[in-house]
Amino acid sequence: MFDTLSERFTDIFKKLRGYGRLTEQNINDGLRDVRIALLEADVALPIVKSFIEDIRVRSLDKEILTSLTPGQVLIKIVNEELVTLLGKDSESLKLNTQPPAVILLAGLQGAGKTTTCAKLGVFLKEKEKKNVALISCDVYRPGAIKQLQILAKENNLFWLESGESDRPTEIVKTGLEIARRKFFDVLIVDSAGRLHVDNEMMEEIKSLHNILNPIETLFVIDSMMGQDAVNAAAEFNKILPLTGNILTKVDGDSRGGAALTVKYVTGKPIKFIGIGERAEDLSLFNPDRIASQILGMGDVLTLIEEVEKKTDKEKASKLSRKIKKGKGFSLVDFRDQLKQMSNMGGIGNILDKLPGTNKLSTNLATQIDDREFIKLIAIIDSMTRKERSDPKIVNGSRKKRIAFGSGTKIQDINKLLKQFNHMQKMMKKFSNKGGLSKALKGIPGGKPPGFPF
């Protein structure tokens, strides 16, 4: 996420930090590089000009030019201006209305509205403890209504029935009536998308808006479309009273242009970002954290929140006590750790949120493959209880059986056992006095030998 832009900013600031003092020329050179980086990230030229000028004015202040750490001060200014551009404060949904609070999703075809509809339902159900119903009035895209029905069923959300032969205006009238009668807290409406903005589409969505009178009208943007998506948002904003935006596919967007542009163009905040394919991969948009990521400072707060939410604290506590008592580290423990990391989105997701990891060597980055986790878990699951408790008994014939059962090769099993032996040795060091520092000294180049990459 924002990898390319983050790398460029990291290089620019490394250069600026190297100056003992900053001159106007140094600042202009640095800002020229920032300008190029933003334009390459598909940020609109008027926004780039305004952004650069705001930084320039603040940077030429006498206090900054004479500061003992001018490079750091300039980075602070860029960070603050980025946060302003992104929207300053995170803005949650406003649901303080007589139920049901209606949320209407609008956007172009392919932006991910239907998936976002379900993700938003899961978010409100789990985080806000709301009783949520979903309804689709997309009668044009084949399978759109069925897709939402399946997503609702998979995530235990209530789905209000509609059909491709129904008129969208009648669908929302009936849906609103049912939602009121059944006392739902929130009704999320998935509207039809088009491949481009057209009059017919705009007239229909205006009619739906008039019937529903939604408290939130959110424009769903495919962030990988960059400036084209932002232009579409601006067009919708002229027709509909948008209350916010949702950026989808952010995990696949290394540029970041849409995120840096949409608030400026529409005047409406980004409320959520989609960061993956799973139902829970929708997060509140936090300008501070996104700015930190773009500037190569990581997003440690989000990582901590993910650890809190997605790890089994009881299992972690038991393992910690077990290791401290010197009772050893088993293959079952190893499997549990792999599952915990998978739940957090894998190694790539974790590294993405750590400061400075955007500059990891290309060689290491290409070795990181989260599919390896799935393979290792399958191998351990294919073992008997006795083999898991005592891997030394896993001989040639057992390896053949395990490989067949897990759909892997004998070489994969040998690799797993080797990695497990490394992990056991590391955990043994943890249980000794001063174990952590000793264990870290044993990691060549900072790479844990038990990690599956």
Protein backbone atom coordinates (compact mmCIF):
# COMPACT_ATOMS: atom_id res chain seq x y z
CA MET A 1 0.00 0.00 0.00
CA PHE A 2 1.53 3.32 -1.19
CA ASP A 3 4.86 1.47 -1.67
CA THR A 4 6.14 3.51 -4.62
CA LEU A 5 5.31 6.88 -3.06
CA SER A 6 6.70 5.78 0.30
CA GLU A 7 10.01 4.73 -1.28
CA ARG A 8 10.33 8.06 -3.05
CA PHE A 9 9.64 10.04 0.12
CA THR A 10 12.11 7.92 2.10
CA ASP A 11 14.87 8.69 -0.43
CA ILE A 12 14.02 12.41 -0.49
CA PHE A 13 14.08 12.75 3.30
CA LYS A 14 17.26 10.72 3.66
CA LYS A 15 18.94 13.31 1.47
CA LEU A 16 17.47 16.25 3.43
CA ARG A 17 18.51 14.75 6.78
CA GLY A 18 22.09 14.70 5.52
CA TYR A 19 22.31 18.51 5.44
CA GLY A 20 23.67 20.16 8.59
CA ARG A 21 21.55 23.18 7.74
CA LEU A 22 18.93 23.82 5.08
CA THR A 23 19.17 26.58 2.51
CA GLU A 24 16.39 27.85 0.29
CA GLN A 25 18.06 25.96 -2.57
CA ASN A 26 18.07 22.68 -0.58
CA ILE A 27 14.39 23.13 0.19
CA ASN A 28 13.51 23.91 -3.43
CA ASP A 29 15.43 20.84 -4.64
CA GLY A 30 13.66 18.65 -2.08
CA LEU A 31 10.24 20.05 -2.96
CA ARG A 32 10.92 19.52 -6.67
CA ASP A 33 11.49 15.82 -5.89
CA VAL A 34 8.31 15.74 -3.78
CA ARG A 35 6.39 17.32 -6.68
CA ILE A 36 7.64 14.70 -9.15
CA ALA A 37 6.82 11.88 -6.69
CA LEU A 38 3.23 13.13 -6.26
CA LEU A 39 2.66 13.56 -9.99
CA GLU A 40 3.98 10.04 -10.60
CA ALA A 41 1.52 8.84 -7.95
CA ASP A 42 -1.30 10.23 -10.14
CA VAL A 43 -2.13 13.18 -7.87
CA ALA A 44 -3.83 16.00 -9.82
CA LEU A 45 -1.53 18.90 -10.80
CA PRO A 46 -3.57 21.70 -9.09
CA ILE A 47 -3.45 19.75 -5.82
CA VAL A 48 0.29 19.16 -6.13
CA LYS A 49 0.91 22.88 -6.78
CA SER A 50 -1.15 23.93 -3.77
CA PHE A 51 0.46 21.28 -1.54
CA ILE A 52 4.02 22.22 -2.53
CA GLU A 53 3.36 25.93 -2.10
CA ASP A 54 1.95 25.43 1.42
CA ILE A 55 5.07 23.48 2.40
CA ARG A 56 7.39 26.02 0.77
CA VAL A 57 5.86 28.94 2.69
CA ARG A 58 6.17 27.12 6.01
CA SER A 59 9.67 25.77 5.23
CA LEU A 60 11.22 29.17 4.60
CA ASP A 61 10.38 30.32 8.11
CA LYS A 62 13.52 31.55 9.91
CA GLU A 63 13.04 29.12 12.83
CA ILE A 64 13.23 26.15 10.46
CA LEU A 65 16.23 27.41 8.49
CA THR A 66 18.18 27.94 11.74
CA SER A 67 16.95 24.77 13.48
CA LEU A 68 19.50 22.25 14.76
CA THR A 69 17.56 19.47 12.99
CA PRO A 70 16.14 21.23 9.90
CA GLY A 71 15.59 17.97 7.98
CA GLN A 72 13.41 16.59 10.76
CA VAL A 73 11.43 19.84 10.97
CA LEU A 74 10.78 19.75 7.22
CA ILE A 75 9.57 16.15 7.44
CA LYS A 76 7.21 17.22 10.24
CA ILE A 77 5.80 19.97 8.02
CA VAL A 78 5.27 17.57 5.09
CA ASN A 79 3.55 15.12 7.43
CA GLU A 80 1.20 17.82 8.75
CA GLU A 81 0.35 19.03 5.25
CA LEU A 82 -0.29 15.44 4.12
CA VAL A 83 -2.70 14.94 7.02
CA THR A 84 -4.50 18.17 6.05
CA LEU A 85 -4.74 17.01 2.43
CA LEU A 86 -6.11 13.61 3.52
CA GLY A 87 -8.74 15.19 5.76
CA LYS A 88 -7.18 15.96 9.19
CA ASP A 89 -9.53 13.88 11.35
CA SER A 90 -11.07 10.46 10.77
CA GLU A 91 -14.84 10.74 10.42
CA SER A 92 -17.12 7.89 11.42
CA LEU A 93 -20.60 7.21 10.09
CA LYS A 94 -23.41 9.37 11.41
CA LEU A 95 -26.23 7.01 12.39
CA ASN A 96 -28.07 9.23 14.87
CA THR A 97 -31.48 9.12 13.23
CA GLN A 98 -34.75 7.27 13.67
CA PRO A 99 -34.10 3.64 12.62
CA PRO A 100 -33.43 2.37 10.15
CA ALA A 101 -30.43 4.59 9.36
CA VAL A 102 -30.13 4.23 5.58
CA ILE A 103 -26.70 4.07 3.91
CA LEU A 104 -26.72 4.36 0.11
CA LEU A 105 -23.62 3.18 -1.78
CA ALA A 106 -22.94 4.72 -5.20
CA GLY A 107 -20.14 4.34 -7.71
CA LEU A 108 -18.97 3.02 -11.05
CA GLN A 109 -19.19 -0.63 -12.07
CA GLY A 110 -16.24 -2.67 -10.83
CA ALA A 111 -15.41 -0.36 -7.92
CA GLY A 112 -16.35 -3.08 -5.41
CA LYS A 113 -19.70 -1.72 -4.18
CA THR A 114 -21.34 -5.11 -3.57
CA THR A 115 -18.37 -6.47 -1.62
CA THR A 116 -18.12 -3.17 0.29
CA CYS A 117 -21.83 -3.40 1.11
CA ALA A 118 -21.21 -6.70 2.94
CA LYS A 119 -17.95 -5.46 4.54
CA LEU A 120 -19.73 -2.38 5.87
CA GLY A 121 -22.48 -4.60 7.25
CA VAL A 122 -19.91 -6.74 9.06
CA PHE A 123 -18.18 -3.62 10.43
CA LEU A 124 -21.43 -2.17 11.83
CA LYS A 125 -22.53 -5.51 13.24
CA GLU A 126 -19.23 -6.31 14.97
CA LYS A 127 -17.93 -2.85 15.93
CA GLU A 128 -21.14 -0.90 16.46
CA LYS A 129 -23.37 -3.85 17.51
CA LYS A 130 -26.02 -2.83 14.98
CA ASN A 131 -28.78 -5.00 13.56
CA VAL A 132 -28.04 -4.64 9.83
CA ALA A 133 -30.01 -5.48 6.68
CA LEU A 134 -28.64 -5.44 3.12
CA ILE A 135 -30.56 -4.90 -0.10
CA SER A 136 -29.50 -4.72 -3.76
CA CYS A 137 -31.25 -2.69 -6.44
CA ASP A 138 -28.65 -3.52 -9.10
CA VAL A 139 -30.94 -5.18 -11.63
CA TYR A 140 -28.54 -4.61 -14.53
CA ARG A 141 -25.37 -6.53 -13.71
CA PRO A 142 -26.04 -10.28 -14.02
CA GLY A 143 -25.61 -12.00 -10.67
CA ALA A 144 -25.25 -8.79 -8.64
CA ILE A 145 -28.30 -9.50 -6.46
CA LYS A 146 -27.27 -13.14 -5.99
CA GLN A 147 -23.73 -12.04 -5.05
CA LEU A 148 -25.03 -9.84 -2.25
CA GLN A 149 -27.34 -12.62 -1.04
CA ILE A 150 -24.38 -15.04 -0.81
CA LEU A 151 -22.19 -12.48 0.98
CA ALA A 152 -25.00 -11.74 3.45
CA LYS A 153 -25.46 -15.44 4.20
CA GLU A 154 -21.70 -16.03 4.62
CA ASN A 155 -21.45 -13.20 7.16
CA ASN A 156 -24.74 -13.77 9.04
CA LEU A 157 -26.28 -10.53 7.79
CA PHE A 158 -29.97 -10.13 6.95
CA TRP A 159 -30.68 -9.94 3.22
CA LEU A 160 -33.85 -8.33 1.91
CA GLU A 161 -35.07 -10.08 -1.21
CA SER A 162 -35.14 -8.43 -4.63
CA GLY A 163 -35.17 -9.69 -8.20
CA GLU A 164 -33.71 -8.69 -11.57
CA SER A 165 -37.21 -8.17 -12.99
CA ASP A 166 -38.09 -5.61 -10.28
CA ARG A 167 -37.81 -1.84 -10.69
CA PRO A 168 -35.05 -0.30 -8.51
CA THR A 169 -37.44 2.32 -7.10
CA GLU A 170 -39.94 -0.38 -6.05
CA ILE A 171 -37.12 -2.47 -4.54
CA VAL A 172 -36.02 0.33 -2.21
CA LYS A 173 -39.59 1.28 -1.25
CA THR A 174 -40.34 -2.33 -0.24
CA GLY A 175 -36.94 -2.73 1.46
CA LEU A 176 -37.40 0.44 3.50
CA GLU A 177 -40.86 -0.67 4.57
CA ILE A 178 -39.58 -4.13 5.71
CA ALA A 179 -36.59 -2.58 7.50
CA ARG A 180 -38.94 -0.31 9.48
CA ARG A 181 -41.37 -3.10 10.26
CA LYS A 182 -38.63 -5.47 11.45
CA PHE A 183 -36.86 -2.76 13.48
CA PHE A 184 -33.46 -2.92 11.78
CA ASP A 185 -30.94 -0.36 13.02
CA VAL A 186 -29.28 0.07 9.63
CA LEU A 187 -30.29 -0.58 6.02
CA ILE A 188 -27.40 -0.64 3.50
CA VAL A 189 -28.45 -0.21 -0.13
CA ASP A 190 -26.25 -1.44 -3.00
CA SER A 191 -27.06 0.62 -6.10
CA ALA A 192 -26.27 -0.19 -9.73
CA GLY A 193 -22.99 0.91 -11.26
CA ARG A 194 -22.12 1.77 -14.84
CA LEU A 195 -18.88 1.67 -16.79
CA HIS A 196 -18.98 5.47 -16.96
CA VAL A 197 -21.08 8.36 -15.68
CA ASP A 198 -24.28 8.73 -17.76
CA ASN A 199 -27.57 10.64 -17.48
CA GLU A 200 -29.73 7.53 -17.07
CA MET A 201 -27.61 6.33 -14.16
CA MET A 202 -27.67 9.73 -12.50
CA GLU A 203 -31.45 10.10 -12.80
CA GLU A 204 -32.00 6.65 -11.30
CA ILE A 205 -29.69 7.21 -8.32
CA LYS A 206 -31.32 10.60 -7.67
CA SER A 207 -34.74 8.90 -7.57
CA LEU A 208 -33.44 6.26 -5.14
CA HIS A 209 -31.93 8.98 -2.95
CA ASN A 210 -35.24 10.89 -2.85
CA ILE A 211 -37.15 7.76 -1.77
CA LEU A 212 -34.60 6.57 0.82
CA ASN A 213 -33.52 9.94 2.25
CA PRO A 214 -30.28 8.26 3.44
CA ILE A 215 -28.34 9.65 6.37
CA GLU A 216 -25.13 8.55 4.62
CA THR A 217 -24.52 8.58 0.85
CA LEU A 218 -21.09 7.09 0.23
CA PHE A 219 -19.19 7.02 -3.05
CA VAL A 220 -17.18 3.82 -3.52
CA ILE A 221 -13.90 4.41 -5.39
CA ASP A 222 -11.53 1.85 -6.88
CA SER A 223 -8.24 3.41 -5.76
CA MET A 224 -6.34 1.59 -8.51
CA MET A 225 -8.18 3.72 -11.11
CA GLY A 226 -6.45 6.81 -9.70
CA GLN A 227 -7.47 10.13 -11.17
CA ASP A 228 -10.30 8.67 -13.31
CA ALA A 229 -12.04 7.41 -10.18
CA VAL A 230 -11.63 10.78 -8.47
CA ASN A 231 -13.12 12.57 -11.49
CA ALA A 232 -16.13 10.24 -11.32
CA ALA A 233 -16.51 11.07 -7.61
CA ALA A 234 -16.55 14.78 -8.46
CA GLU A 235 -19.33 14.19 -11.03
CA PHE A 236 -21.43 12.24 -8.53
CA ASN A 237 -20.85 14.93 -5.93
CA LYS A 238 -22.54 17.48 -8.23
CA ILE A 239 -25.67 15.32 -8.49
CA LEU A 240 -25.89 13.67 -5.07
CA PRO A 241 -25.35 15.14 -1.58
CA LEU A 242 -22.43 12.78 -0.84
CA THR A 243 -21.45 12.49 2.81
CA GLY A 244 -18.20 10.61 2.29
CA ASN A 245 -16.07 8.24 0.24
CA ILE A 246 -14.88 4.64 0.58
CA LEU A 247 -11.59 3.69 -1.08
CA THR A 248 -11.42 0.04 -2.19
CA LYS A 249 -8.47 -2.13 -3.29
CA VAL A 250 -6.03 0.06 -1.38
CA ASP A 251 -3.85 -3.01 -0.74
CA GLY A 252 -3.26 -3.28 -4.50
CA ASP A 253 -2.56 0.43 -5.05
CA SER A 254 1.14 1.28 -4.72
CA ARG A 255 0.67 4.87 -5.95
CA GLY A 256 -1.82 6.47 -3.56
CA GLY A 257 -3.07 9.18 -5.93
CA ALA A 258 -6.78 8.59 -5.24
CA ALA A 259 -6.30 8.77 -1.47
CA LEU A 260 -4.42 12.06 -1.77
CA THR A 261 -6.90 13.63 -4.20
CA VAL A 262 -10.48 12.62 -3.45
CA LYS A 263 -10.99 14.68 -0.29
CA TYR A 264 -9.66 17.81 -2.03
CA VAL A 265 -11.82 17.30 -5.16
CA THR A 266 -15.13 16.34 -3.51
CA GLY A 267 -14.78 18.22 -0.24
CA LYS A 268 -16.08 15.06 1.44
CA PRO A 269 -14.03 12.87 3.80
CA ILE A 270 -12.74 9.38 3.12
CA LYS A 271 -14.56 7.34 5.77
CA PHE A 272 -13.30 3.80 5.07
CA ILE A 273 -10.61 1.97 3.14
CA GLY A 274 -10.77 -1.60 1.85
CA ILE A 275 -7.47 -3.33 2.61
CA GLY A 276 -8.11 -6.89 1.45
CA GLU A 277 -10.61 -9.41 0.16
CA ARG A 278 -11.96 -10.74 3.47
CA ALA A 279 -15.20 -9.48 5.01
CA GLU A 280 -13.31 -7.90 7.93
CA ASP A 281 -10.86 -6.07 5.64
CA LEU A 282 -12.55 -2.69 5.91
CA SER A 283 -10.99 -0.08 8.18
CA LEU A 284 -11.89 3.40 9.32
CA PHE A 285 -9.77 5.88 7.40
CA ASN A 286 -7.22 7.55 9.65
CA PRO A 287 -5.33 10.45 7.97
CA ASP A 288 -2.53 10.46 10.58
CA ARG A 289 -1.73 6.80 10.05
CA ILE A 290 -1.95 6.94 6.26
CA ALA A 291 0.39 9.97 6.20
CA SER A 292 2.86 8.03 8.38
CA GLN A 293 2.76 5.10 5.97
CA ILE A 294 3.30 7.31 2.94
CA LEU A 295 6.32 8.92 4.62
CA GLY A 296 7.82 5.49 5.40
CA MET A 297 7.09 5.70 9.13
CA GLY A 298 4.92 2.58 9.18
CA ASP A 299 1.59 2.16 10.92
CA VAL A 300 2.46 0.59 14.25
CA LEU A 301 -0.83 1.63 15.92
CA THR A 302 -2.89 -0.30 13.37
CA LEU A 303 -0.57 -3.28 13.75
CA ILE A 304 -1.07 -3.23 17.53
CA GLU A 305 -4.84 -3.08 17.02
CA GLU A 306 -4.69 -6.06 14.65
CA VAL A 307 -2.64 -8.04 17.17
CA GLU A 308 -5.20 -7.22 19.86
CA LYS A 309 -8.13 -8.20 17.64
CA LYS A 310 -6.81 -11.19 15.72
CA THR A 311 -4.55 -13.08 18.12
CA ASP A 312 -5.68 -15.57 20.72
CA LYS A 313 -4.45 -13.98 23.94
CA GLU A 314 -5.10 -17.08 26.04
CA LYS A 315 -3.05 -19.30 23.70
CA ALA A 316 -0.26 -16.71 23.57
CA SER A 317 -0.19 -16.49 27.37
CA LYS A 318 -0.09 -20.30 27.73
CA LEU A 319 2.77 -20.56 25.23
CA SER A 320 4.71 -17.82 27.03
CA ARG A 321 4.33 -19.60 30.40
CA LYS A 322 5.24 -22.93 28.83
CA ILE A 323 8.44 -21.57 27.27
CA LYS A 324 9.46 -19.76 30.47
CA LYS A 325 9.13 -23.03 32.35
CA GLY A 326 11.41 -24.68 29.79
CA LYS A 327 8.77 -27.17 28.63
CA GLY A 328 9.73 -26.77 24.97
CA PHE A 329 8.09 -25.62 21.78
CA SER A 330 6.02 -28.22 19.90
CA LEU A 331 4.86 -28.52 16.30
CA VAL A 332 1.34 -27.72 17.53
CA ASP A 333 2.70 -24.46 18.98
CA PHE A 334 4.46 -23.78 15.67
CA ARG A 335 1.21 -24.37 13.75
CA ASP A 336 -0.69 -22.04 16.09
CA GLN A 337 1.86 -19.27 15.51
CA LEU A 338 1.59 -19.71 11.74
CA LYS A 339 -2.22 -19.50 11.96
CA GLN A 340 -2.02 -16.35 14.08
CA MET A 341 0.22 -14.69 11.47
CA SER A 342 -2.13 -15.77 8.67
CA ASN A 343 -5.07 -14.26 10.58
CA MET A 344 -3.18 -10.96 10.63
CA GLY A 345 -2.82 -10.97 6.85
CA GLY A 346 0.56 -12.70 6.68
CA ILE A 347 4.14 -11.45 6.80
CA GLY A 348 3.58 -8.91 4.01
CA ASN A 349 0.80 -7.16 5.93
CA ILE A 350 2.86 -7.06 9.13
CA LEU A 351 5.99 -5.71 7.38
CA ASP A 352 3.87 -3.12 5.57
CA LYS A 353 3.02 -1.54 8.93
CA LEU A 354 6.53 -1.52 10.39
CA PRO A 355 8.68 1.62 10.03
CA GLY A 356 11.41 1.43 7.40
CA THR A 357 10.40 -1.91 5.89
CA ASN A 358 9.63 -0.30 2.53
CA LYS A 359 13.41 -0.32 2.03
CA LEU A 360 13.83 -4.06 2.56
CA SER A 361 16.03 -5.69 -0.02
CA THR A 362 14.27 -6.89 -3.16
CA ASN A 363 15.70 -10.36 -2.54
CA LEU A 364 14.01 -10.64 0.87
CA ALA A 365 10.76 -9.18 -0.43
CA THR A 366 10.54 -11.79 -3.19
CA GLN A 367 11.14 -14.58 -0.68
CA ILE A 368 8.11 -13.56 1.40
CA ASP A 369 5.25 -15.80 0.29
CA ASP A 370 2.31 -16.19 2.62
CA ARG A 371 1.20 -19.31 0.73
CA GLU A 372 4.11 -21.00 2.48
CA PHE A 373 2.14 -20.67 5.74
CA ILE A 374 -0.77 -22.62 4.27
CA LYS A 375 1.59 -25.35 3.08
CA LEU A 376 3.31 -25.69 6.48
CA ILE A 377 -0.02 -25.79 8.33
CA ALA A 378 -1.28 -28.51 5.93
CA ILE A 379 1.86 -30.61 6.59
CA ILE A 380 1.48 -30.37 10.37
CA ASP A 381 -2.26 -31.15 10.14
CA SER A 382 -1.42 -34.30 8.12
CA MET A 383 0.74 -35.68 10.94
CA THR A 384 -0.51 -37.95 13.70
CA ARG A 385 -0.68 -36.65 17.27
CA LYS A 386 2.39 -38.72 18.12
CA GLU A 387 4.38 -37.25 15.21
CA ARG A 388 3.46 -33.72 16.25
CA SER A 389 4.65 -34.33 19.79
CA ASP A 390 7.84 -36.11 18.70
CA PRO A 391 8.98 -35.07 15.17
CA LYS A 392 12.13 -37.22 15.49
CA ILE A 393 10.06 -40.31 14.64
CA VAL A 394 9.12 -38.89 11.24
CA ASN A 395 11.12 -41.27 9.01
CA GLY A 396 11.06 -41.86 5.25
CA SER A 397 7.82 -43.85 5.09
CA ARG A 398 6.03 -41.38 7.40
CA LYS A 399 7.22 -38.49 5.24
CA LYS A 400 5.72 -40.15 2.14
CA ARG A 401 2.36 -40.52 3.91
CA ILE A 402 2.40 -36.93 5.21
CA ALA A 403 3.39 -35.56 1.78
CA PHE A 404 0.52 -37.45 0.14
CA GLY A 405 -1.97 -36.28 2.78
CA SER A 406 -0.93 -32.61 2.58
CA GLY A 407 -0.44 -32.41 -1.20
CA THR A 408 3.22 -31.46 -0.76
CA LYS A 409 6.67 -32.96 -1.47
CA ILE A 410 9.08 -34.75 0.87
CA GLN A 411 11.47 -31.80 0.42
CA ASP A 412 8.78 -29.54 1.90
CA ILE A 413 8.55 -31.76 4.98
CA ASN A 414 12.33 -31.76 5.39
CA LYS A 415 12.31 -27.97 5.14
CA LEU A 416 9.54 -27.71 7.77
CA LEU A 417 11.40 -29.97 10.21
CA LYS A 418 14.58 -27.94 9.72
CA GLN A 419 12.73 -24.66 10.36
CA PHE A 420 11.04 -26.17 13.39
CA ASN A 421 14.40 -27.23 14.84
CA HIS A 422 15.63 -23.64 14.47
CA MET A 423 12.49 -22.35 16.21
CA GLN A 424 12.92 -24.85 19.05
CA LYS A 425 16.49 -23.66 19.61
CA MET A 426 15.38 -20.03 19.61
CA MET A 427 12.58 -20.73 22.09
CA LYS A 428 15.03 -22.56 24.33
CA LYS A 429 17.15 -19.40 24.44
CA PHE A 430 14.07 -17.38 25.38
CA SER A 431 13.54 -19.59 28.42
CA ASN A 432 17.09 -18.95 29.69
CA LYS A 433 18.18 -15.88 31.63
CA GLY A 434 18.84 -13.00 29.24
CA GLY A 435 17.42 -15.22 26.51
CA LEU A 436 15.95 -12.56 24.25
CA SER A 437 19.20 -10.69 23.67
CA LYS A 438 21.07 -13.98 23.14
CA ALA A 439 18.45 -15.18 20.68
CA LEU A 440 18.61 -11.97 18.66
CA LYS A 441 22.40 -12.24 18.43
CA GLY A 442 21.89 -15.62 16.79
CA ILE A 443 19.83 -14.17 13.94
CA PRO A 444 22.14 -13.52 10.97
CA GLY A 445 21.21 -10.23 9.27
CA GLY A 446 18.16 -9.85 11.48
CA LYS A 447 16.30 -12.68 9.75
CA PRO A 448 14.68 -15.20 12.13
CA PRO A 449 15.84 -18.66 11.00
CA GLY A 450 12.51 -20.29 11.85
CA PHE A 451 10.45 -18.01 9.65
CA PRO A 452 9.03 -19.65 6.50
CA PHE A 453 10.67 -17.37 3.94
